[in-house]
C-alpha cells in the first residue's frame, strides 16, 4: 500500500488537531529510523506528557503518511 505524502507542516497540523491542547507547538522533522518525528514545544511542566501523547498519535499516522520532501 502506497502511503500518502504530507509536508512537515501538514503532519504537524494533523497532530495538533488530534492533540487538541492549547499552547502546544509541534514541529515535524525527518527521521532516519521512522521517516519522520514530531517534537513538542510547550511549558516545561507539560512537555513530557504532551510528547508522549504526540508519539502515540504519530505512531498511528506513520501507517498512513510519509513525509514529503
PDB file of N, CA and C in Angstrom:
ATOM      1  N   UNK A   1       0.838  -1.186   0.000  1.00  0.00           N
ATOM      2  CA  UNK A   1       0.000   0.000   0.000  1.00  0.00           C
ATOM      3  C   UNK A   1       0.885   1.252   0.000  1.00  0.00           C
ATOM      4  N   UNK A   2       0.611   2.136  -0.914  1.00  0.00           N
ATOM      5  CA  UNK A   2       1.342   3.396  -1.018  1.00  0.00           C
ATOM      6  C   UNK A   2       0.797   4.381   0.012  1.00  0.00           C
ATOM      7  N   UNK A   3       1.703   4.976   0.780  1.00  0.00           N
ATOM      8  CA  UNK A   3       1.286   5.961   1.771  1.00  0.00           C
ATOM      9  C   UNK A   3       1.153   7.327   1.116  1.00  0.00           C
ATOM     10  N   UNK A   4       0.228   8.109   1.636  1.00  0.00           N
ATOM     11  CA  UNK A   4       0.060   9.485   1.171  1.00  0.00           C
ATOM     12  C   UNK A   4       1.210  10.327   1.716  1.00  0.00           C
ATOM     13  N   UNK A   5       1.711  11.236   0.906  1.00  0.00           N
ATOM     14  CA  UNK A   5       2.806  12.110   1.336  1.00  0.00           C
ATOM     15  C   UNK A   5       2.240  13.431   1.835  1.00  0.00           C
ATOM     16  N   UNK A   6       2.756  13.863   2.980  1.00  0.00           N
ATOM     17  CA  UNK A   6       2.343  15.129   3.593  1.00  0.00           C
ATOM     18  C   UNK A   6       3.594  15.930   3.920  1.00  0.00           C
ATOM     19  N   UNK A   7       3.474  17.255   3.878  1.00  0.00           N
ATOM     20  CA  UNK A   7       4.578  18.106   4.294  1.00  0.00           C
ATOM     21  C   UNK A   7       4.701  18.060   5.815  1.00  0.00           C
ATOM     22  N   UNK A   8       5.831  18.536   6.307  1.00  0.00           N
ATOM     23  CA  UNK A   8       6.044  18.580   7.748  1.00  0.00           C
ATOM     24  C   UNK A   8       4.959  19.417   8.421  1.00  0.00           C
ATOM     25  N   UNK A   9       4.591  20.534   7.807  1.00  0.00           N
ATOM     26  CA  UNK A   9       3.556  21.393   8.389  1.00  0.00           C
ATOM     27  C   UNK A   9       2.196  20.713   8.390  1.00  0.00           C
ATOM     28  N   UNK A  10       1.876  19.990   7.326  1.00  0.00           N
ATOM     29  CA  UNK A  10       0.597  19.273   7.280  1.00  0.00           C
ATOM     30  C   UNK A  10       0.530  18.206   8.374  1.00  0.00           C
ATOM     31  N   UNK A  11       1.624  17.471   8.561  1.00  0.00           N
ATOM     32  CA  UNK A  11       1.649  16.456   9.619  1.00  0.00           C
ATOM     33  C   UNK A  11       1.527  17.101  10.997  1.00  0.00           C
ATOM     34  N   UNK A  12       2.236  18.208  11.198  1.00  0.00           N
ATOM     35  CA  UNK A  12       2.149  18.922  12.481  1.00  0.00           C
ATOM     36  C   UNK A  12       0.726  19.405  12.738  1.00  0.00           C
ATOM     37  N   UNK A  13       0.062  19.889  11.696  1.00  0.00           N
ATOM     38  CA  UNK A  13      -1.319  20.355  11.844  1.00  0.00           C
ATOM     39  C   UNK A  13      -2.270  19.210  12.199  1.00  0.00           C
ATOM     40  N   UNK A  14      -2.093  18.069  11.553  1.00  0.00           N
ATOM     41  CA  UNK A  14      -2.936  16.905  11.850  1.00  0.00           C
ATOM     42  C   UNK A  14      -2.744  16.478  13.304  1.00  0.00           C
ATOM     43  N   UNK A  15      -1.498  16.428  13.738  1.00  0.00           N
ATOM     44  CA  UNK A  15      -1.202  16.035  15.122  1.00  0.00           C
ATOM     45  C   UNK A  15      -1.803  17.044  16.090  1.00  0.00           C
ATOM     46  N   UNK A  16      -1.648  18.329  15.801  1.00  0.00           N
ATOM     47  CA  UNK A  16      -2.195  19.377  16.679  1.00  0.00           C
ATOM     48  C   UNK A  16      -3.706  19.247  16.820  1.00  0.00           C
ATOM     49  N   UNK A  17      -4.381  18.981  15.710  1.00  0.00           N
ATOM     50  CA  UNK A  17      -5.840  18.818  15.751  1.00  0.00           C
ATOM     51  C   UNK A  17      -6.226  17.619  16.600  1.00  0.00           C
ATOM     52  N   UNK A  18      -5.497  16.530  16.451  1.00  0.00           N
ATOM     53  CA  UNK A  18      -5.810  15.327  17.232  1.00  0.00           C
ATOM     54  C   UNK A  18      -5.485  15.526  18.713  1.00  0.00           C
ATOM     55  N   UNK A  19      -4.398  16.263  18.999  1.00  0.00           N
ATOM     56  CA  UNK A  19      -3.990  16.515  20.380  1.00  0.00           C
ATOM     57  C   UNK A  19      -4.993  17.425  21.076  1.00  0.00           C
ATOM     58  N   UNK A  20      -5.412  18.478  20.381  1.00  0.00           N
ATOM     59  CA  UNK A  20      -6.445  19.397  20.861  1.00  0.00           C
ATOM     60  C   UNK A  20      -6.136  19.997  22.240  1.00  0.00           C
ATOM     61  N   UNK A  21      -4.897  20.442  22.415  1.00  0.00           N
ATOM     62  CA  UNK A  21      -4.470  21.114  23.642  1.00  0.00           C
ATOM     63  C   UNK A  21      -3.858  22.450  23.235  1.00  0.00           C
ATOM     64  N   UNK A  22      -4.310  23.539  23.824  1.00  0.00           N
ATOM     65  CA  UNK A  22      -3.779  24.855  23.502  1.00  0.00           C
ATOM     66  C   UNK A  22      -2.389  25.071  24.074  1.00  0.00           C
ATOM     67  N   UNK A  23      -1.661  25.997  23.466  1.00  0.00           N
ATOM     68  CA  UNK A  23      -0.336  26.352  23.960  1.00  0.00           C
ATOM     69  C   UNK A  23       0.750  25.348  23.640  1.00  0.00           C
ATOM     70  N   UNK A  24       0.493  24.477  22.662  1.00  0.00           N
ATOM     71  CA  UNK A  24       1.467  23.457  22.276  1.00  0.00           C
ATOM     72  C   UNK A  24       1.849  23.682  20.825  1.00  0.00           C
ATOM     73  N   UNK A  25       3.150  23.773  20.563  1.00  0.00           N
ATOM     74  CA  UNK A  25       3.655  23.902  19.197  1.00  0.00           C
ATOM     75  C   UNK A  25       4.306  22.579  18.828  1.00  0.00           C
ATOM     76  N   UNK A  26       3.987  22.072  17.644  1.00  0.00           N
ATOM     77  CA  UNK A  26       4.542  20.796  17.181  1.00  0.00           C
ATOM     78  C   UNK A  26       5.305  21.036  15.894  1.00  0.00           C
ATOM     79  N   UNK A  27       6.517  20.516  15.847  1.00  0.00           N
ATOM     80  CA  UNK A  27       7.342  20.557  14.644  1.00  0.00           C
ATOM     81  C   UNK A  27       7.620  19.119  14.220  1.00  0.00           C
ATOM     82  N   UNK A  28       7.611  18.879  12.920  1.00  0.00           N
ATOM     83  CA  UNK A  28       7.891  17.541  12.395  1.00  0.00           C
ATOM     84  C   UNK A  28       9.202  17.600  11.630  1.00  0.00           C
ATOM     85  N   UNK A  29      10.063  16.620  11.900  1.00  0.00           N
ATOM     86  CA  UNK A  29      11.378  16.562  11.289  1.00  0.00           C
ATOM     87  C   UNK A  29      11.595  15.194  10.656  1.00  0.00           C
ATOM     88  N   UNK A  30      12.448  15.167   9.643  1.00  0.00           N
ATOM     89  CA  UNK A  30      12.824  13.902   9.014  1.00  0.00           C
ATOM     90  C   UNK A  30      13.586  13.057  10.035  1.00  0.00           C
ATOM     91  N   UNK A  31      13.328  11.760  10.032  1.00  0.00           N
ATOM     92  CA  UNK A  31      13.971  10.843  10.958  1.00  0.00           C
ATOM     93  C   UNK A  31      14.454   9.623  10.171  1.00  0.00           C
ATOM     94  N   UNK A  32      15.735   9.241  10.305  1.00  0.00           N
ATOM     95  CA  UNK A  32      16.245   8.114   9.522  1.00  0.00           C
ATOM     96  C   UNK A  32      15.630   6.763   9.891  1.00  0.00           C
ATOM     97  N   UNK A  33      15.152   6.626  11.096  1.00  0.00           N
ATOM     98  CA  UNK A  33      14.575   5.357  11.532  1.00  0.00           C
ATOM     99  C   UNK A  33      13.092   5.254  11.219  1.00  0.00           C
ATOM    100  N   UNK A  34      12.326   6.283  11.574  1.00  0.00           N
ATOM    101  CA  UNK A  34      10.872   6.239  11.448  1.00  0.00           C
ATOM    102  C   UNK A  34      10.330   6.983  10.233  1.00  0.00           C
ATOM    103  N   UNK A  35      11.167   7.717   9.529  1.00  0.00           N
ATOM    104  CA  UNK A  35      10.714   8.503   8.384  1.00  0.00           C
ATOM    105  C   UNK A  35      10.467   9.948   8.764  1.00  0.00           C
ATOM    106  N   UNK A  36       9.780  10.142   9.878  1.00  0.00           N
ATOM    107  CA  UNK A  36       9.555  11.490  10.419  1.00  0.00           C
ATOM    108  C   UNK A  36       9.274  11.382  11.908  1.00  0.00           C
ATOM    109  N   UNK A  37       9.527  12.514  12.593  1.00  0.00           N
ATOM    110  CA  UNK A  37       9.412  12.519  14.043  1.00  0.00           C
ATOM    111  C   UNK A  37       8.856  13.867  14.510  1.00  0.00           C
ATOM    112  N   UNK A  38       7.840  13.863  15.377  1.00  0.00           N
ATOM    113  CA  UNK A  38       7.304  15.110  15.911  1.00  0.00           C
ATOM    114  C   UNK A  38       8.040  15.530  17.191  1.00  0.00           C
ATOM    115  N   UNK A  39       8.225  16.826  17.332  1.00  0.00           N
ATOM    116  CA  UNK A  39       8.807  17.392  18.543  1.00  0.00           C
ATOM    117  C   UNK A  39       7.825  18.399  19.121  1.00  0.00           C
ATOM    118  N   UNK A  40       7.608  18.337  20.424  1.00  0.00           N
ATOM    119  CA  UNK A  40       6.659  19.208  21.110  1.00  0.00           C
ATOM    120  C   UNK A  40       7.403  20.331  21.812  1.00  0.00           C
ATOM    121  N   UNK A  41       6.869  21.528  21.679  1.00  0.00           N
ATOM    122  CA  UNK A  41       7.369  22.676  22.431  1.00  0.00           C
ATOM    123  C   UNK A  41       6.193  23.270  23.194  1.00  0.00           C
ATOM    124  N   UNK A  42       6.314  23.276  24.512  1.00  0.00           N
ATOM    125  CA  UNK A  42       5.264  23.786  25.382  1.00  0.00           C
ATOM    126  C   UNK A  42       5.884  24.123  26.733  1.00  0.00           C
ATOM    127  N   UNK A  43       5.052  24.423  27.706  1.00  0.00           N
ATOM    128  CA  UNK A  43       5.560  24.707  29.050  1.00  0.00           C
ATOM    129  C   UNK A  43       6.328  23.489  29.573  1.00  0.00           C
ATOM    130  N   UNK A  44       7.439  23.711  30.263  1.00  0.00           N
ATOM    131  CA  UNK A  44       8.223  22.584  30.765  1.00  0.00           C
ATOM    132  C   UNK A  44       7.408  21.583  31.589  1.00  0.00           C
ATOM    133  N   UNK A  45       6.457  22.052  32.348  1.00  0.00           N
ATOM    134  CA  UNK A  45       5.655  21.159  33.187  1.00  0.00           C
ATOM    135  C   UNK A  45       4.801  20.203  32.360  1.00  0.00           C
ATOM    136  N   UNK A  46       4.461  20.591  31.139  1.00  0.00           N
ATOM    137  CA  UNK A  46       3.597  19.776  30.284  1.00  0.00           C
ATOM    138  C   UNK A  46       4.349  19.014  29.197  1.00  0.00           C
ATOM    139  N   UNK A  47       5.617  19.310  29.013  1.00  0.00           N
ATOM    140  CA  UNK A  47       6.363  18.809  27.856  1.00  0.00           C
ATOM    141  C   UNK A  47       6.410  17.287  27.767  1.00  0.00           C
ATOM    142  N   UNK A  48       6.716  16.614  28.848  1.00  0.00           N
ATOM    143  CA  UNK A  48       6.867  15.157  28.804  1.00  0.00           C
ATOM    144  C   UNK A  48       5.540  14.482  28.475  1.00  0.00           C
ATOM    145  N   UNK A  49       4.473  14.881  29.134  1.00  0.00           N
ATOM    146  CA  UNK A  49       3.159  14.268  28.869  1.00  0.00           C
ATOM    147  C   UNK A  49       2.701  14.537  27.441  1.00  0.00           C
ATOM    148  N   UNK A  50       2.873  15.764  26.980  1.00  0.00           N
ATOM    149  CA  UNK A  50       2.467  16.097  25.610  1.00  0.00           C
ATOM    150  C   UNK A  50       3.296  15.315  24.592  1.00  0.00           C
ATOM    151  N   UNK A  51       4.596  15.198  24.831  1.00  0.00           N
ATOM    152  CA  UNK A  51       5.448  14.449  23.894  1.00  0.00           C
ATOM    153  C   UNK A  51       5.009  12.995  23.817  1.00  0.00           C
ATOM    154  N   UNK A  52       4.655  12.395  24.949  1.00  0.00           N
ATOM    155  CA  UNK A  52       4.200  11.003  24.935  1.00  0.00           C
ATOM    156  C   UNK A  52       2.893  10.859  24.152  1.00  0.00           C
ATOM    157  N   UNK A  53       1.964  11.789  24.340  1.00  0.00           N
ATOM    158  CA  UNK A  53       0.708  11.749  23.582  1.00  0.00           C
ATOM    159  C   UNK A  53       0.952  11.914  22.093  1.00  0.00           C
ATOM    160  N   UNK A  54       1.834  12.849  21.739  1.00  0.00           N
ATOM    161  CA  UNK A  54       2.141  13.103  20.336  1.00  0.00           C
ATOM    162  C   UNK A  54       2.823  11.891  19.703  1.00  0.00           C
ATOM    163  N   UNK A  55       3.668  11.203  20.450  1.00  0.00           N
ATOM    164  CA  UNK A  55       4.320   9.992  19.938  1.00  0.00           C
ATOM    165  C   UNK A  55       3.286   8.915  19.600  1.00  0.00           C
ATOM    166  N   UNK A  56       2.272   8.772  20.429  1.00  0.00           N
ATOM    167  CA  UNK A  56       1.215   7.793  20.156  1.00  0.00           C
ATOM    168  C   UNK A  56       0.422   8.168  18.898  1.00  0.00           C
ATOM    169  N   UNK A  57       0.124   9.447  18.757  1.00  0.00           N
ATOM    170  CA  UNK A  57      -0.581   9.912  17.562  1.00  0.00           C
ATOM    171  C   UNK A  57       0.282   9.682  16.322  1.00  0.00           C
ATOM    172  N   UNK A  58       1.563   9.997  16.417  1.00  0.00           N
ATOM    173  CA  UNK A  58       2.479   9.826  15.289  1.00  0.00           C
ATOM    174  C   UNK A  58       2.585   8.361  14.878  1.00  0.00           C
ATOM    175  N   UNK A  59       2.594   7.476  15.857  1.00  0.00           N
ATOM    176  CA  UNK A  59       2.675   6.044  15.557  1.00  0.00           C
ATOM    177  C   UNK A  59       1.508   5.620  14.658  1.00  0.00           C
ATOM    178  N   UNK A  60       0.321   6.120  14.946  1.00  0.00           N
ATOM    179  CA  UNK A  60      -0.853   5.814  14.127  1.00  0.00           C
ATOM    180  C   UNK A  60      -0.747   6.459  12.744  1.00  0.00           C
ATOM    181  N   UNK A  61      -0.285   7.699  12.703  1.00  0.00           N
ATOM    182  CA  UNK A  61      -0.230   8.428  11.441  1.00  0.00           C
ATOM    183  C   UNK A  61       0.856   7.912  10.498  1.00  0.00           C
ATOM    184  N   UNK A  62       1.932   7.359  11.033  1.00  0.00           N
ATOM    185  CA  UNK A  62       3.009   6.832  10.177  1.00  0.00           C
ATOM    186  C   UNK A  62       2.537   5.680   9.307  1.00  0.00           C
ATOM    187  N   UNK A  63       1.477   5.010   9.716  1.00  0.00           N
ATOM    188  CA  UNK A  63       0.907   3.934   8.912  1.00  0.00           C
ATOM    189  C   UNK A  63       0.298   4.484   7.632  1.00  0.00           C
ATOM    190  N   UNK A  64      -0.215   5.713   7.692  1.00  0.00           N
ATOM    191  CA  UNK A  64      -0.919   6.316   6.554  1.00  0.00           C
ATOM    192  C   UNK A  64      -0.096   7.336   5.783  1.00  0.00           C
ATOM    193  N   UNK A  65       0.872   8.005   6.448  1.00  0.00           N
ATOM    194  CA  UNK A  65       1.547   9.150   5.834  1.00  0.00           C
ATOM    195  C   UNK A  65       3.061   9.045   5.874  1.00  0.00           C
ATOM    196  N   UNK A  66       3.684   9.444   4.770  1.00  0.00           N
ATOM    197  CA  UNK A  66       5.122   9.651   4.688  1.00  0.00           C
ATOM    198  C   UNK A  66       5.388  11.129   4.619  1.00  0.00           C
ATOM    199  N   UNK A  67       6.598  11.533   4.980  1.00  0.00           N
ATOM    200  CA  UNK A  67       6.991  12.935   4.907  1.00  0.00           C
ATOM    201  C   UNK A  67       7.342  13.298   3.474  1.00  0.00           C
ATOM    202  N   UNK A  68       6.703  14.336   2.978  1.00  0.00           N
ATOM    203  CA  UNK A  68       7.005  14.855   1.646  1.00  0.00           C
ATOM    204  C   UNK A  68       8.232  15.736   1.754  1.00  0.00           C
ATOM    205  N   UNK A  69       9.199  15.497   0.911  1.00  0.00           N
ATOM    206  CA  UNK A  69      10.455  16.269   0.991  1.00  0.00           C
ATOM    207  C   UNK A  69      10.427  17.490   0.117  1.00  0.00           C
TER     208      UNK A  69
END
